[in-house]
Amino acid sequence: MAGVSLRFVLDPELTPELREQIVMLWADVSNAGGAVGFVPPVTTADVRALADPTFAGITGGPDRLLLGYEGERLVAALIFADNRFTLKAHWCVLKRVMVHPDTQGKGYGSELMREAERIGRALGFEALHVTLRDGLGLDHFYGRLGYREIGRLPRALRVTPGDDRDEVLMWLDLSPVTAPDAGR
């Protein structure tokens, strides 16, 4: 969408005020049906129980936080989650990918993911990985951004009793593309 642009901040200082803004965003996204670790209804206290250890992984490392602002308002966030395993240090998992529900349709989700791709390349990652809850159309969203499905864990997510969903694994290769004749 032309003219739409978020202001991004990588690795902001996690002040108490910013933590609260992130928790509120996370709760709003969850309560609107977003697949970011909860099933509605949730309270900020519910979210805070998961947010606090998440913040510890950011402030103490090795995880990184990317935030997106519409003006001065926090409307988007995601976490570059380190794999914490040397043999997987060349790629990264994106977690808690969220855009405020009242900004849907403005292209912010795509903008957030494109910025994550740009940063991922700048950080030297060869790939980005994201998991999603099946049944929400998220596979199409990520597919349009170049991610491909690499697997599924059948019925791995129990949304409610009797409503089990596949966890879908998506992958974006960031390796430089070389022509077949390159280096000859």
N, C-alpha and C. Protein backbone atom coordinates (compact mmCIF):
# COMPACT_ATOMS: atom_id res chain seq x y z
N MET A 1 0.86 -1.18 0.00
CA MET A 1 0.00 0.00 0.00
C MET A 1 0.90 1.23 0.00
N ALA A 2 0.75 2.10 -0.99
CA ALA A 2 1.61 3.26 -1.11
C ALA A 2 1.38 4.24 0.03
N GLY A 3 2.46 4.86 0.47
CA GLY A 3 2.37 5.87 1.51
C GLY A 3 2.34 5.31 2.93
N VAL A 4 2.17 4.01 3.07
CA VAL A 4 2.13 3.40 4.39
C VAL A 4 3.56 3.13 4.83
N SER A 5 3.87 3.55 6.03
CA SER A 5 5.22 3.28 6.50
C SER A 5 5.26 3.29 8.01
N LEU A 6 5.82 2.23 8.55
CA LEU A 6 6.06 2.17 9.97
C LEU A 6 7.47 2.66 10.26
N ARG A 7 7.67 3.14 11.46
CA ARG A 7 9.01 3.45 11.95
C ARG A 7 9.43 2.28 12.81
N PHE A 8 10.58 1.69 12.47
CA PHE A 8 11.04 0.50 13.18
C PHE A 8 12.15 0.83 14.15
N VAL A 9 12.15 0.10 15.26
CA VAL A 9 13.20 0.21 16.27
C VAL A 9 13.65 -1.20 16.62
N LEU A 10 14.94 -1.46 16.45
CA LEU A 10 15.52 -2.75 16.81
C LEU A 10 16.22 -2.59 18.15
N ASP A 11 16.00 -3.54 19.03
CA ASP A 11 16.64 -3.57 20.35
C ASP A 11 16.41 -2.30 21.18
N PRO A 12 15.14 -1.92 21.36
CA PRO A 12 14.88 -0.75 22.21
C PRO A 12 15.18 -1.06 23.67
N GLU A 13 15.37 -0.01 24.45
CA GLU A 13 15.51 -0.22 25.90
C GLU A 13 14.15 -0.63 26.44
N LEU A 14 14.12 -1.76 27.13
CA LEU A 14 12.85 -2.28 27.65
C LEU A 14 12.52 -1.64 28.99
N THR A 15 12.07 -0.40 28.92
CA THR A 15 11.65 0.31 30.13
C THR A 15 10.35 -0.30 30.64
N PRO A 16 9.99 -0.04 31.89
CA PRO A 16 8.70 -0.54 32.38
C PRO A 16 7.53 -0.07 31.51
N GLU A 17 7.58 1.16 31.02
CA GLU A 17 6.49 1.68 30.17
C GLU A 17 6.41 0.90 28.86
N LEU A 18 7.57 0.64 28.25
CA LEU A 18 7.57 -0.10 26.98
C LEU A 18 7.11 -1.54 27.20
N ARG A 19 7.55 -2.15 28.28
CA ARG A 19 7.09 -3.51 28.58
C ARG A 19 5.56 -3.55 28.66
N GLU A 20 4.99 -2.56 29.33
CA GLU A 20 3.53 -2.51 29.47
C GLU A 20 2.86 -2.31 28.11
N GLN A 21 3.43 -1.48 27.25
CA GLN A 21 2.88 -1.28 25.90
C GLN A 21 2.90 -2.58 25.10
N ILE A 22 3.99 -3.33 25.22
CA ILE A 22 4.11 -4.61 24.51
C ILE A 22 3.08 -5.61 25.05
N VAL A 23 2.95 -5.67 26.36
CA VAL A 23 1.96 -6.58 26.97
C VAL A 23 0.56 -6.21 26.49
N MET A 24 0.25 -4.93 26.43
CA MET A 24 -1.08 -4.50 25.98
C MET A 24 -1.30 -4.85 24.51
N LEU A 25 -0.27 -4.63 23.67
CA LEU A 25 -0.37 -5.02 22.26
C LEU A 25 -0.61 -6.52 22.15
N TRP A 26 0.17 -7.30 22.89
CA TRP A 26 0.08 -8.76 22.87
C TRP A 26 -1.33 -9.21 23.28
N ALA A 27 -1.88 -8.61 24.32
CA ALA A 27 -3.24 -8.96 24.78
C ALA A 27 -4.28 -8.57 23.73
N ASP A 28 -4.14 -7.38 23.15
CA ASP A 28 -5.10 -6.95 22.12
C ASP A 28 -5.07 -7.89 20.92
N VAL A 29 -3.87 -8.28 20.48
CA VAL A 29 -3.74 -9.20 19.34
C VAL A 29 -4.34 -10.55 19.70
N SER A 30 -4.04 -11.04 20.89
CA SER A 30 -4.58 -12.34 21.34
C SER A 30 -6.10 -12.31 21.41
N ASN A 31 -6.66 -11.26 21.98
CA ASN A 31 -8.10 -11.17 22.14
C ASN A 31 -8.83 -10.98 20.82
N ALA A 32 -8.12 -10.54 19.79
CA ALA A 32 -8.70 -10.42 18.45
C ALA A 32 -8.56 -11.73 17.67
N GLY A 33 -7.98 -12.76 18.32
CA GLY A 33 -7.85 -14.06 17.67
C GLY A 33 -6.49 -14.32 17.07
N GLY A 34 -5.54 -13.41 17.28
CA GLY A 34 -4.18 -13.61 16.78
C GLY A 34 -3.50 -14.78 17.45
N ALA A 35 -2.74 -15.54 16.66
CA ALA A 35 -2.08 -16.75 17.16
C ALA A 35 -0.69 -16.40 17.67
N VAL A 36 -0.63 -15.83 18.87
CA VAL A 36 0.64 -15.42 19.48
C VAL A 36 0.79 -16.02 20.88
N GLY A 37 0.34 -17.26 21.01
CA GLY A 37 0.56 -17.98 22.26
C GLY A 37 -0.63 -18.13 23.17
N PHE A 38 -1.75 -17.53 22.81
CA PHE A 38 -2.93 -17.57 23.67
C PHE A 38 -4.18 -17.81 22.85
N VAL A 39 -5.25 -18.17 23.55
CA VAL A 39 -6.59 -18.27 22.98
C VAL A 39 -7.45 -17.30 23.79
N PRO A 40 -8.22 -16.44 23.11
CA PRO A 40 -9.02 -15.47 23.87
C PRO A 40 -10.09 -16.16 24.72
N PRO A 41 -10.47 -15.51 25.80
CA PRO A 41 -10.03 -14.20 26.28
C PRO A 41 -8.78 -14.32 27.17
N VAL A 42 -7.94 -13.31 27.08
CA VAL A 42 -6.77 -13.23 27.96
C VAL A 42 -6.72 -11.85 28.59
N THR A 43 -6.09 -11.78 29.73
CA THR A 43 -5.87 -10.51 30.42
C THR A 43 -4.41 -10.13 30.27
N THR A 44 -4.09 -8.91 30.62
CA THR A 44 -2.69 -8.50 30.60
C THR A 44 -1.89 -9.30 31.62
N ALA A 45 -2.51 -9.74 32.70
CA ALA A 45 -1.82 -10.58 33.69
C ALA A 45 -1.45 -11.93 33.07
N ASP A 46 -2.36 -12.51 32.26
CA ASP A 46 -2.06 -13.76 31.56
C ASP A 46 -0.86 -13.57 30.65
N VAL A 47 -0.87 -12.50 29.89
CA VAL A 47 0.20 -12.23 28.94
C VAL A 47 1.51 -11.96 29.67
N ARG A 48 1.44 -11.20 30.74
CA ARG A 48 2.66 -10.85 31.49
C ARG A 48 3.40 -12.09 31.97
N ALA A 49 2.67 -13.16 32.32
CA ALA A 49 3.31 -14.39 32.78
C ALA A 49 4.22 -15.00 31.72
N LEU A 50 3.88 -14.83 30.45
CA LEU A 50 4.73 -15.30 29.36
C LEU A 50 5.69 -14.20 28.91
N ALA A 51 5.26 -12.96 29.01
CA ALA A 51 6.08 -11.83 28.56
C ALA A 51 7.33 -11.65 29.42
N ASP A 52 7.22 -11.83 30.72
CA ASP A 52 8.38 -11.60 31.60
C ASP A 52 9.57 -12.48 31.23
N PRO A 53 9.41 -13.81 31.08
CA PRO A 53 10.57 -14.59 30.65
C PRO A 53 11.01 -14.26 29.21
N THR A 54 10.08 -13.85 28.38
CA THR A 54 10.43 -13.43 27.02
C THR A 54 11.31 -12.19 27.09
N PHE A 55 10.93 -11.23 27.92
CA PHE A 55 11.74 -10.02 28.07
C PHE A 55 13.13 -10.34 28.61
N ALA A 56 13.21 -11.33 29.50
CA ALA A 56 14.51 -11.72 30.05
C ALA A 56 15.44 -12.24 28.96
N GLY A 57 14.89 -12.95 27.99
CA GLY A 57 15.69 -13.44 26.87
C GLY A 57 16.16 -12.33 25.96
N ILE A 58 15.47 -11.19 26.02
CA ILE A 58 15.85 -10.03 25.21
C ILE A 58 16.86 -9.18 25.96
N THR A 59 16.56 -8.83 27.21
CA THR A 59 17.46 -7.95 27.96
C THR A 59 18.77 -8.64 28.30
N GLY A 60 18.72 -9.93 28.61
CA GLY A 60 19.93 -10.67 28.94
C GLY A 60 20.55 -11.34 27.73
N GLY A 61 19.90 -11.20 26.58
CA GLY A 61 20.37 -11.84 25.37
C GLY A 61 20.03 -13.30 25.39
N PRO A 62 20.07 -13.96 24.30
CA PRO A 62 20.56 -13.55 22.99
C PRO A 62 19.46 -13.11 22.02
N ASP A 63 18.19 -13.01 22.48
CA ASP A 63 17.10 -12.65 21.58
C ASP A 63 17.11 -11.16 21.27
N ARG A 64 16.47 -10.81 20.16
CA ARG A 64 16.39 -9.42 19.71
C ARG A 64 14.93 -9.05 19.49
N LEU A 65 14.59 -7.80 19.75
CA LEU A 65 13.22 -7.32 19.63
C LEU A 65 13.14 -6.26 18.54
N LEU A 66 12.15 -6.42 17.66
CA LEU A 66 11.87 -5.43 16.62
C LEU A 66 10.47 -4.88 16.87
N LEU A 67 10.37 -3.56 16.95
CA LEU A 67 9.08 -2.90 17.16
C LEU A 67 8.76 -2.00 15.97
N GLY A 68 7.46 -1.87 15.68
CA GLY A 68 7.00 -0.98 14.62
C GLY A 68 6.03 0.03 15.19
N TYR A 69 6.26 1.29 14.82
CA TYR A 69 5.44 2.40 15.33
C TYR A 69 4.72 3.11 14.21
N GLU A 70 3.45 3.42 14.47
CA GLU A 70 2.65 4.29 13.62
C GLU A 70 2.63 5.62 14.36
N GLY A 71 3.43 6.57 13.89
CA GLY A 71 3.64 7.78 14.68
C GLY A 71 4.38 7.41 15.94
N GLU A 72 3.79 7.71 17.09
CA GLU A 72 4.42 7.34 18.37
C GLU A 72 3.77 6.11 18.99
N ARG A 73 2.78 5.54 18.31
CA ARG A 73 2.02 4.40 18.86
C ARG A 73 2.64 3.07 18.43
N LEU A 74 2.91 2.19 19.39
CA LEU A 74 3.39 0.86 19.12
C LEU A 74 2.26 0.05 18.48
N VAL A 75 2.49 -0.46 17.26
CA VAL A 75 1.46 -1.23 16.57
C VAL A 75 1.95 -2.57 16.04
N ALA A 76 3.26 -2.84 16.14
CA ALA A 76 3.78 -4.09 15.59
C ALA A 76 5.01 -4.52 16.37
N ALA A 77 5.21 -5.84 16.42
CA ALA A 77 6.37 -6.37 17.14
C ALA A 77 6.67 -7.78 16.66
N LEU A 78 7.92 -8.15 16.80
CA LEU A 78 8.33 -9.53 16.64
C LEU A 78 9.66 -9.73 17.35
N ILE A 79 9.98 -10.99 17.60
CA ILE A 79 11.21 -11.34 18.30
C ILE A 79 12.05 -12.22 17.40
N PHE A 80 13.32 -11.87 17.26
CA PHE A 80 14.31 -12.73 16.64
C PHE A 80 14.80 -13.65 17.76
N ALA A 81 14.30 -14.87 17.81
CA ALA A 81 14.63 -15.79 18.89
C ALA A 81 15.83 -16.64 18.49
N ASP A 82 16.88 -16.51 19.26
CA ASP A 82 18.09 -17.29 19.03
C ASP A 82 17.79 -18.77 19.27
N ASN A 83 18.38 -19.63 18.48
CA ASN A 83 18.16 -21.07 18.63
C ASN A 83 18.86 -21.68 19.84
N ARG A 84 19.82 -20.95 20.40
CA ARG A 84 20.55 -21.41 21.58
C ARG A 84 21.19 -22.79 21.35
N PHE A 85 21.70 -22.95 20.12
CA PHE A 85 22.34 -24.20 19.72
C PHE A 85 23.29 -23.87 18.57
N THR A 86 24.56 -24.12 18.78
CA THR A 86 25.60 -23.73 17.84
C THR A 86 25.34 -24.22 16.42
N LEU A 87 24.84 -25.43 16.27
CA LEU A 87 24.62 -25.97 14.92
C LEU A 87 23.46 -25.30 14.19
N LYS A 88 22.71 -24.46 14.90
CA LYS A 88 21.60 -23.73 14.28
C LYS A 88 21.83 -22.22 14.31
N ALA A 89 23.04 -21.79 14.56
CA ALA A 89 23.32 -20.36 14.71
C ALA A 89 23.19 -19.59 13.40
N HIS A 90 23.11 -20.25 12.28
CA HIS A 90 23.05 -19.59 10.98
C HIS A 90 21.62 -19.23 10.55
N TRP A 91 20.63 -19.59 11.34
CA TRP A 91 19.25 -19.19 11.05
C TRP A 91 18.54 -18.81 12.34
N CYS A 92 17.39 -18.20 12.19
CA CYS A 92 16.71 -17.61 13.34
C CYS A 92 15.21 -17.90 13.27
N VAL A 93 14.59 -17.99 14.44
CA VAL A 93 13.14 -18.15 14.54
C VAL A 93 12.52 -16.80 14.85
N LEU A 94 11.49 -16.44 14.10
CA LEU A 94 10.72 -15.23 14.40
C LEU A 94 9.54 -15.65 15.26
N LYS A 95 9.41 -15.01 16.42
CA LYS A 95 8.33 -15.36 17.35
C LYS A 95 7.48 -14.13 17.66
N ARG A 96 6.28 -14.41 18.09
CA ARG A 96 5.33 -13.38 18.54
C ARG A 96 5.17 -12.28 17.50
N VAL A 97 5.02 -12.69 16.25
CA VAL A 97 4.82 -11.74 15.16
C VAL A 97 3.41 -11.17 15.32
N MET A 98 3.32 -9.86 15.56
CA MET A 98 2.00 -9.28 15.81
C MET A 98 1.88 -7.85 15.31
N VAL A 99 0.67 -7.56 14.84
CA VAL A 99 0.29 -6.23 14.39
C VAL A 99 -1.05 -5.92 15.05
N HIS A 100 -1.19 -4.73 15.59
CA HIS A 100 -2.42 -4.38 16.31
C HIS A 100 -3.64 -4.59 15.41
N PRO A 101 -4.69 -5.22 15.95
CA PRO A 101 -5.87 -5.53 15.13
C PRO A 101 -6.54 -4.32 14.50
N ASP A 102 -6.48 -3.16 15.12
CA ASP A 102 -7.16 -2.00 14.51
C ASP A 102 -6.34 -1.37 13.39
N THR A 103 -5.17 -1.95 13.09
CA THR A 103 -4.38 -1.46 11.95
C THR A 103 -4.35 -2.48 10.81
N GLN A 104 -5.13 -3.55 10.93
CA GLN A 104 -5.18 -4.57 9.88
C GLN A 104 -5.61 -3.93 8.57
N GLY A 105 -5.04 -4.42 7.47
CA GLY A 105 -5.40 -3.92 6.15
C GLY A 105 -4.55 -2.76 5.68
N LYS A 106 -3.62 -2.29 6.49
CA LYS A 106 -2.76 -1.17 6.10
C LYS A 106 -1.42 -1.64 5.53
N GLY A 107 -1.20 -2.95 5.49
CA GLY A 107 0.06 -3.47 4.98
C GLY A 107 1.15 -3.55 6.03
N TYR A 108 0.82 -3.32 7.28
CA TYR A 108 1.83 -3.31 8.34
C TYR A 108 2.45 -4.69 8.58
N GLY A 109 1.66 -5.74 8.44
CA GLY A 109 2.20 -7.08 8.62
C GLY A 109 3.28 -7.38 7.60
N SER A 110 3.01 -7.06 6.35
CA SER A 110 4.01 -7.26 5.30
C SER A 110 5.22 -6.38 5.53
N GLU A 111 4.98 -5.15 5.92
CA GLU A 111 6.08 -4.22 6.18
C GLU A 111 6.97 -4.72 7.33
N LEU A 112 6.34 -5.24 8.39
CA LEU A 112 7.08 -5.79 9.52
C LEU A 112 7.94 -6.97 9.07
N MET A 113 7.37 -7.86 8.28
CA MET A 113 8.11 -9.04 7.84
C MET A 113 9.22 -8.68 6.86
N ARG A 114 9.01 -7.68 6.03
CA ARG A 114 10.07 -7.24 5.11
C ARG A 114 11.23 -6.62 5.89
N GLU A 115 10.91 -5.88 6.94
CA GLU A 115 11.96 -5.32 7.79
C GLU A 115 12.71 -6.43 8.52
N ALA A 116 11.99 -7.44 8.98
CA ALA A 116 12.64 -8.58 9.63
C ALA A 116 13.58 -9.28 8.65
N GLU A 117 13.15 -9.41 7.41
CA GLU A 117 14.00 -10.03 6.38
C GLU A 117 15.25 -9.19 6.16
N ARG A 118 15.07 -7.87 6.06
CA ARG A 118 16.22 -6.97 5.85
C ARG A 118 17.21 -7.09 7.02
N ILE A 119 16.68 -7.06 8.23
CA ILE A 119 17.54 -7.16 9.42
C ILE A 119 18.19 -8.54 9.49
N GLY A 120 17.42 -9.58 9.19
CA GLY A 120 17.97 -10.93 9.20
C GLY A 120 19.17 -11.05 8.28
N ARG A 121 19.06 -10.47 7.10
CA ARG A 121 20.20 -10.48 6.17
C ARG A 121 21.37 -9.69 6.75
N ALA A 122 21.09 -8.51 7.31
CA ALA A 122 22.14 -7.66 7.87
C ALA A 122 22.85 -8.35 9.05
N LEU A 123 22.11 -9.17 9.78
CA LEU A 123 22.69 -9.89 10.91
C LEU A 123 23.43 -11.15 10.47
N GLY A 124 23.36 -11.46 9.19
CA GLY A 124 24.08 -12.61 8.65
C GLY A 124 23.35 -13.93 8.71
N PHE A 125 22.04 -13.90 8.98
CA PHE A 125 21.28 -15.15 8.98
C PHE A 125 21.10 -15.66 7.56
N GLU A 126 21.12 -16.96 7.41
CA GLU A 126 20.91 -17.58 6.11
C GLU A 126 19.45 -17.94 5.88
N ALA A 127 18.65 -17.93 6.95
CA ALA A 127 17.23 -18.24 6.82
C ALA A 127 16.48 -17.72 8.03
N LEU A 128 15.18 -17.52 7.82
CA LEU A 128 14.26 -17.18 8.90
C LEU A 128 13.19 -18.25 8.94
N HIS A 129 12.76 -18.59 10.15
CA HIS A 129 11.77 -19.65 10.36
C HIS A 129 10.64 -19.07 11.21
N VAL A 130 9.43 -19.42 10.86
CA VAL A 130 8.28 -19.02 11.65
C VAL A 130 7.32 -20.20 11.72
N THR A 131 6.66 -20.35 12.86
CA THR A 131 5.62 -21.38 12.98
C THR A 131 4.28 -20.67 13.11
N LEU A 132 3.25 -21.35 12.66
CA LEU A 132 1.93 -20.73 12.73
C LEU A 132 0.87 -21.77 13.01
N ARG A 133 -0.25 -21.28 13.47
CA ARG A 133 -1.42 -22.11 13.76
C ARG A 133 -2.25 -22.24 12.49
N ASP A 134 -2.48 -23.45 12.04
CA ASP A 134 -3.26 -23.67 10.82
C ASP A 134 -4.70 -23.22 11.03
N GLY A 135 -5.35 -22.91 9.93
CA GLY A 135 -6.77 -22.56 9.97
C GLY A 135 -7.04 -21.07 10.02
N LEU A 136 -5.99 -20.26 10.01
CA LEU A 136 -6.17 -18.80 10.07
C LEU A 136 -5.76 -18.10 8.78
N GLY A 137 -5.30 -18.86 7.79
CA GLY A 137 -4.87 -18.27 6.53
C GLY A 137 -3.48 -17.67 6.57
N LEU A 138 -2.77 -17.88 7.66
CA LEU A 138 -1.44 -17.29 7.80
C LEU A 138 -0.43 -17.88 6.83
N ASP A 139 -0.65 -19.15 6.43
CA ASP A 139 0.25 -19.75 5.46
C ASP A 139 0.24 -18.99 4.14
N HIS A 140 -0.91 -18.46 3.75
CA HIS A 140 -1.01 -17.66 2.52
C HIS A 140 -0.28 -16.33 2.68
N PHE A 141 -0.45 -15.71 3.84
CA PHE A 141 0.24 -14.44 4.11
C PHE A 141 1.74 -14.63 4.00
N TYR A 142 2.28 -15.62 4.71
CA TYR A 142 3.73 -15.84 4.67
C TYR A 142 4.18 -16.32 3.29
N GLY A 143 3.37 -17.10 2.62
CA GLY A 143 3.70 -17.56 1.27
C GLY A 143 3.88 -16.40 0.31
N ARG A 144 3.04 -15.39 0.41
CA ARG A 144 3.17 -14.21 -0.45
C ARG A 144 4.48 -13.46 -0.19
N LEU A 145 5.05 -13.66 1.00
CA LEU A 145 6.31 -13.00 1.35
C LEU A 145 7.53 -13.85 1.04
N GLY A 146 7.31 -15.00 0.41
CA GLY A 146 8.42 -15.85 0.00
C GLY A 146 8.71 -17.01 0.92
N TYR A 147 7.98 -17.13 2.00
CA TYR A 147 8.17 -18.27 2.90
C TYR A 147 7.54 -19.50 2.27
N ARG A 148 8.14 -20.66 2.52
CA ARG A 148 7.56 -21.90 2.02
C ARG A 148 7.32 -22.84 3.19
N GLU A 149 6.25 -23.61 3.06
CA GLU A 149 5.96 -24.60 4.09
C GLU A 149 6.98 -25.72 4.01
N ILE A 150 7.59 -26.04 5.17
CA ILE A 150 8.58 -27.11 5.20
C ILE A 150 8.14 -28.28 6.07
N GLY A 151 6.97 -28.16 6.68
CA GLY A 151 6.47 -29.27 7.48
C GLY A 151 5.28 -28.88 8.32
N ARG A 152 4.70 -29.91 8.92
CA ARG A 152 3.53 -29.72 9.79
C ARG A 152 3.64 -30.69 10.95
N LEU A 153 3.22 -30.24 12.08
CA LEU A 153 3.05 -31.13 13.23
C LEU A 153 1.54 -31.30 13.38
N PRO A 154 1.01 -32.46 13.00
CA PRO A 154 -0.44 -32.65 12.98
C PRO A 154 -1.05 -32.55 14.38
N ARG A 155 -2.12 -31.76 14.46
CA ARG A 155 -2.89 -31.61 15.70
C ARG A 155 -2.01 -31.24 16.89
N ALA A 156 -0.94 -30.51 16.66
CA ALA A 156 0.01 -30.19 17.73
C ALA A 156 -0.49 -29.09 18.66
N LEU A 157 -1.44 -28.29 18.21
CA LEU A 157 -1.92 -27.16 19.00
C LEU A 157 -3.37 -27.39 19.40
N ARG A 158 -3.61 -27.52 20.69
CA ARG A 158 -4.97 -27.72 21.19
C ARG A 158 -5.53 -26.35 21.56
N VAL A 159 -6.30 -25.79 20.64
CA VAL A 159 -6.89 -24.47 20.84
C VAL A 159 -7.95 -24.55 21.92
N THR A 160 -8.83 -25.52 21.80
CA THR A 160 -9.83 -25.85 22.83
C THR A 160 -10.06 -27.35 22.73
N PRO A 161 -10.64 -27.98 23.74
CA PRO A 161 -10.92 -29.41 23.61
C PRO A 161 -11.77 -29.67 22.36
N GLY A 162 -11.28 -30.56 21.51
CA GLY A 162 -11.97 -30.87 20.27
C GLY A 162 -11.55 -30.00 19.10
N ASP A 163 -10.71 -29.01 19.33
CA ASP A 163 -10.22 -28.15 18.24
C ASP A 163 -8.70 -28.17 18.24
N ASP A 164 -8.16 -29.23 17.66
CA ASP A 164 -6.71 -29.36 17.52
C ASP A 164 -6.30 -28.87 16.14
N ARG A 165 -5.24 -28.11 16.08
CA ARG A 165 -4.76 -27.53 14.82
C ARG A 165 -3.34 -27.99 14.54
N ASP A 166 -3.01 -28.05 13.27
CA ASP A 166 -1.63 -28.33 12.88
C ASP A 166 -0.77 -27.11 13.20
N GLU A 167 0.46 -27.37 13.59
CA GLU A 167 1.46 -26.31 13.67
C GLU A 167 2.23 -26.38 12.35
N VAL A 168 2.20 -25.28 11.61
CA VAL A 168 2.81 -25.23 10.28
C VAL A 168 4.17 -24.55 10.40
N LEU A 169 5.18 -25.19 9.81
CA LEU A 169 6.54 -24.67 9.83
C LEU A 169 6.82 -24.00 8.49
N MET A 170 7.22 -22.72 8.55
CA MET A 170 7.49 -21.94 7.33
C MET A 170 8.95 -21.48 7.36
N TRP A 171 9.55 -21.34 6.18
CA TRP A 171 10.98 -21.08 6.05
C TRP A 171 11.22 -20.07 4.93
N LEU A 172 12.06 -19.08 5.20
CA LEU A 172 12.48 -18.13 4.18
C LEU A 172 14.00 -18.23 4.04
N ASP A 173 14.44 -18.67 2.88
CA ASP A 173 15.87 -18.79 2.62
C ASP A 173 16.43 -17.41 2.32
N LEU A 174 17.44 -17.00 3.08
CA LEU A 174 18.08 -15.69 2.88
C LEU A 174 19.45 -15.82 2.21
N SER A 175 19.84 -17.05 1.88
CA SER A 175 21.14 -17.26 1.25
C SER A 175 21.17 -16.53 -0.08
N PRO A 176 22.32 -15.96 -0.40
CA PRO A 176 22.43 -15.29 -1.70
C PRO A 176 22.18 -16.29 -2.83
N VAL A 177 21.40 -15.86 -3.79
CA VAL A 177 21.11 -16.72 -4.93
C VAL A 177 22.25 -16.58 -5.93
N THR A 178 22.82 -17.70 -6.31
CA THR A 178 23.90 -17.67 -7.29
C THR A 178 23.45 -18.38 -8.54
N ALA A 179 23.89 -17.87 -9.67
CA ALA A 179 23.56 -18.49 -10.95
C ALA A 179 24.31 -19.83 -11.04
N PRO A 180 23.75 -20.79 -11.80
CA PRO A 180 24.40 -22.10 -11.92
C PRO A 180 25.84 -22.01 -12.43
N ASP A 181 26.17 -20.98 -13.23
CA ASP A 181 27.51 -20.84 -13.79
C ASP A 181 28.44 -20.04 -12.89
N ALA A 182 27.93 -19.52 -11.78
CA ALA A 182 28.72 -18.63 -10.94
C ALA A 182 30.00 -19.33 -10.51
N GLY A 183 31.09 -18.62 -10.59
CA GLY A 183 32.37 -19.13 -10.13
C GLY A 183 33.13 -19.91 -11.19
N ARG A 184 32.57 -20.04 -12.39
CA ARG A 184 33.28 -20.77 -13.44
C ARG A 184 34.15 -19.87 -14.26
